[in-house]
């Protein structure tokens, strides 16, 4: 009889799980992890690269193509029709992107339907320089109705190696 009471006592003892300490830990840990998390912003540009069997332009009709050549000491803006448009030497603070942007705005005003440009770079030009150059030729900021508006210049960008 004594052993049957012990068995009944063991069966009737329900153990409650105390999760208060765990919940307190989660209340502190979750906001801490969210505050220290690093959120990155990745932007992607679509580049137009010619294929291996791309059609050659008609030699009878000269096509106006803009080219920006990045060199160690300057940026050269040229076209396939008339040659060099502008030679922009490097300054003490680096490449003169604002002057290039101003020149491209004038060209865009003359040829509003033109959207493509080619960036040619010499070997050992830094990645940051090419990205800054791509941002410069792609768009410009202007003031319109007391608001800063981003306008499109030449969004279709091709990249290649500069001739030596």
Protein backbone atom coordinates (compact mmCIF):
# COMPACT_ATOMS: atom_id res chain seq x y z
CA UNK A 1 0.00 0.00 0.00
CA UNK A 2 2.84 2.30 0.76
CA UNK A 3 4.40 1.71 -2.63
CA UNK A 4 1.10 2.44 -4.43
CA UNK A 5 0.91 5.87 -2.68
CA UNK A 6 4.41 6.69 -3.83
CA UNK A 7 3.52 5.76 -7.41
CA UNK A 8 0.38 7.96 -7.26
CA UNK A 9 2.41 10.82 -5.80
CA UNK A 10 4.99 10.51 -8.60
CA UNK A 11 2.25 10.48 -11.25
CA UNK A 12 0.47 13.53 -9.85
CA UNK A 13 3.61 15.72 -9.60
CA UNK A 14 3.54 17.88 -12.72
CA UNK A 15 6.72 19.81 -13.35
CA UNK A 16 6.30 23.37 -14.64
CA UNK A 17 8.97 24.76 -16.87
CA UNK A 18 10.15 28.20 -15.75
CA UNK A 19 11.15 30.18 -18.85
CA UNK A 20 11.18 33.61 -17.26
CA UNK A 21 14.96 33.85 -17.30
CA UNK A 22 15.05 32.80 -20.98
CA UNK A 23 12.43 35.41 -21.92
CA UNK A 24 14.40 38.11 -20.11
CA UNK A 25 17.46 37.11 -22.11
CA UNK A 26 15.55 37.34 -25.41
CA UNK A 27 14.12 40.75 -24.52
CA UNK A 28 17.64 42.08 -24.11
CA UNK A 29 19.38 40.08 -26.84
CA UNK A 30 17.06 40.70 -29.80
CA UNK A 31 17.24 44.55 -29.76
CA UNK A 32 21.01 44.36 -29.24
CA UNK A 33 21.44 42.12 -32.29
CA UNK A 34 19.20 44.33 -34.41
CA UNK A 35 21.15 47.46 -33.44
CA UNK A 36 24.54 45.92 -34.23
CA UNK A 37 23.50 44.25 -37.49
CA UNK A 38 25.13 45.69 -40.62
CA UNK A 39 22.70 46.34 -43.41
CA UNK A 40 24.32 46.85 -46.80
CA UNK A 41 23.01 48.56 -49.88
CA UNK A 42 24.14 47.06 -53.17
CA UNK A 43 23.43 48.80 -56.44
CA UNK A 44 23.81 47.20 -59.83
CA UNK A 45 24.37 48.88 -63.18
CA UNK A 46 23.42 47.21 -66.43
CA UNK A 47 26.32 47.45 -68.84
CA UNK A 48 25.90 47.02 -72.58
CA UNK A 49 28.78 44.91 -73.83
CA UNK A 50 29.14 43.99 -77.50
CA UNK A 51 28.96 40.33 -78.41
CA UNK A 52 31.59 38.35 -80.28
CA UNK A 53 29.59 38.45 -83.49
CA UNK A 54 28.29 42.02 -83.16
CA UNK A 55 27.53 43.68 -86.44
CA UNK A 56 30.18 46.10 -87.66
CA UNK A 57 28.96 49.67 -88.22
CA UNK A 58 28.47 50.78 -91.79
CA UNK A 59 31.71 52.40 -92.97
CA UNK A 60 29.85 54.66 -95.45
CA UNK A 61 27.89 56.35 -92.70
CA UNK A 62 30.03 57.70 -89.87
CA UNK A 63 28.30 57.15 -86.52
CA UNK A 64 28.77 59.59 -83.65
CA UNK A 65 30.03 57.59 -80.67
CA UNK A 66 31.26 59.18 -77.42
CA UNK A 67 34.34 57.78 -75.69
CA UNK A 68 35.80 58.71 -72.33
CA UNK A 69 39.39 57.56 -71.92
CA UNK A 70 40.82 57.49 -68.39
CA UNK A 71 44.57 57.94 -68.28
CA UNK A 72 46.99 58.33 -65.35
CA UNK A 73 47.21 62.09 -65.78
CA UNK A 74 44.00 63.09 -67.57
CA UNK A 75 40.56 62.25 -68.89
CA UNK A 76 40.07 62.50 -72.66
CA UNK A 77 36.58 62.96 -74.08
CA UNK A 78 36.43 62.13 -77.78
CA UNK A 79 34.12 60.91 -80.51
CA UNK A 80 34.53 58.69 -83.53
CA UNK A 81 33.62 61.47 -85.97
CA UNK A 82 35.83 64.41 -85.06
CA UNK A 83 38.39 63.10 -82.60
CA UNK A 84 39.26 64.78 -79.32
CA UNK A 85 36.51 66.95 -77.82
CA UNK A 86 38.06 67.85 -74.47
CA UNK A 87 41.29 67.02 -72.64
CA UNK A 88 40.71 67.32 -68.88
CA UNK A 89 43.99 67.19 -66.93
CA UNK A 90 44.16 65.79 -63.42
CA UNK A 91 44.08 68.31 -60.56
CA UNK A 92 45.67 68.20 -57.11
CA UNK A 93 42.47 66.73 -55.68
CA UNK A 94 42.18 64.06 -58.40
CA UNK A 95 40.23 63.74 -61.60
CA UNK A 96 38.07 66.73 -62.55
CA UNK A 97 34.66 65.05 -62.70
CA UNK A 98 32.61 68.31 -62.52
CA UNK A 99 34.27 69.66 -65.69
CA UNK A 100 33.60 66.37 -67.48
CA UNK A 101 29.98 66.49 -66.33
CA UNK A 102 29.60 70.08 -67.61
CA UNK A 103 31.03 69.11 -70.99
CA UNK A 104 28.74 66.09 -71.24
CA UNK A 105 25.73 68.31 -70.44
CA UNK A 106 26.58 70.49 -73.45
CA UNK A 107 26.89 67.43 -75.68
CA UNK A 108 23.59 66.06 -74.39
CA UNK A 109 21.95 69.39 -75.22
CA UNK A 110 23.14 69.07 -78.84
CA UNK A 111 22.32 65.34 -79.12
CA UNK A 112 19.34 64.64 -76.80
CA UNK A 113 18.56 61.25 -78.38
CA UNK A 114 22.08 59.92 -77.66
CA UNK A 115 22.16 57.58 -74.64
CA UNK A 116 25.29 55.46 -75.05
CA UNK A 117 28.90 56.15 -74.12
CA UNK A 118 32.05 54.05 -73.92
CA UNK A 119 34.53 54.26 -71.04
CA UNK A 120 38.04 53.17 -71.92
CA UNK A 121 40.66 52.84 -69.20
CA UNK A 122 44.39 52.35 -69.12
CA UNK A 123 45.79 49.46 -67.09
CA UNK A 124 46.01 49.98 -63.32
CA UNK A 125 43.20 52.54 -63.13
CA UNK A 126 41.49 52.03 -59.78
CA UNK A 127 38.03 50.54 -59.46
CA UNK A 128 36.81 53.59 -57.50
CA UNK A 129 37.87 55.85 -60.37
CA UNK A 130 35.88 53.83 -62.90
CA UNK A 131 32.79 53.76 -60.66
CA UNK A 132 33.01 57.53 -60.08
CA UNK A 133 33.40 58.06 -63.80
CA UNK A 134 30.37 55.88 -64.50
CA UNK A 135 28.32 57.93 -62.03
CA UNK A 136 29.53 61.15 -63.66
CA UNK A 137 28.60 60.17 -67.23
CA UNK A 138 25.28 58.58 -66.26
CA UNK A 139 23.47 61.54 -64.66
CA UNK A 140 23.67 65.09 -63.34
CA UNK A 141 21.86 67.08 -60.69
CA UNK A 142 20.01 70.27 -61.49
CA UNK A 143 17.68 72.69 -59.71
CA UNK A 144 14.09 72.64 -60.97
CA UNK A 145 11.22 74.37 -59.17
CA UNK A 146 13.42 74.84 -56.07
CA UNK A 147 14.06 71.08 -55.90
CA UNK A 148 17.16 69.11 -56.81
CA UNK A 149 16.32 66.80 -59.71
CA UNK A 150 18.53 64.07 -61.16
CA UNK A 151 18.61 64.21 -64.95
CA UNK A 152 19.84 61.52 -67.31
CA UNK A 153 22.97 61.99 -69.44
CA UNK A 154 24.30 58.77 -70.97
CA UNK A 155 22.95 55.75 -69.05
CA UNK A 156 23.99 53.06 -71.57
CA UNK A 157 27.63 52.51 -70.61
CA UNK A 158 30.15 50.22 -72.29
CA UNK A 159 33.57 49.52 -70.80
CA UNK A 160 36.81 48.63 -72.54
CA UNK A 161 40.60 48.95 -72.55
CA UNK A 162 42.19 52.15 -73.83
CA UNK A 163 44.57 52.07 -76.75
CA UNK A 164 48.18 52.58 -75.78
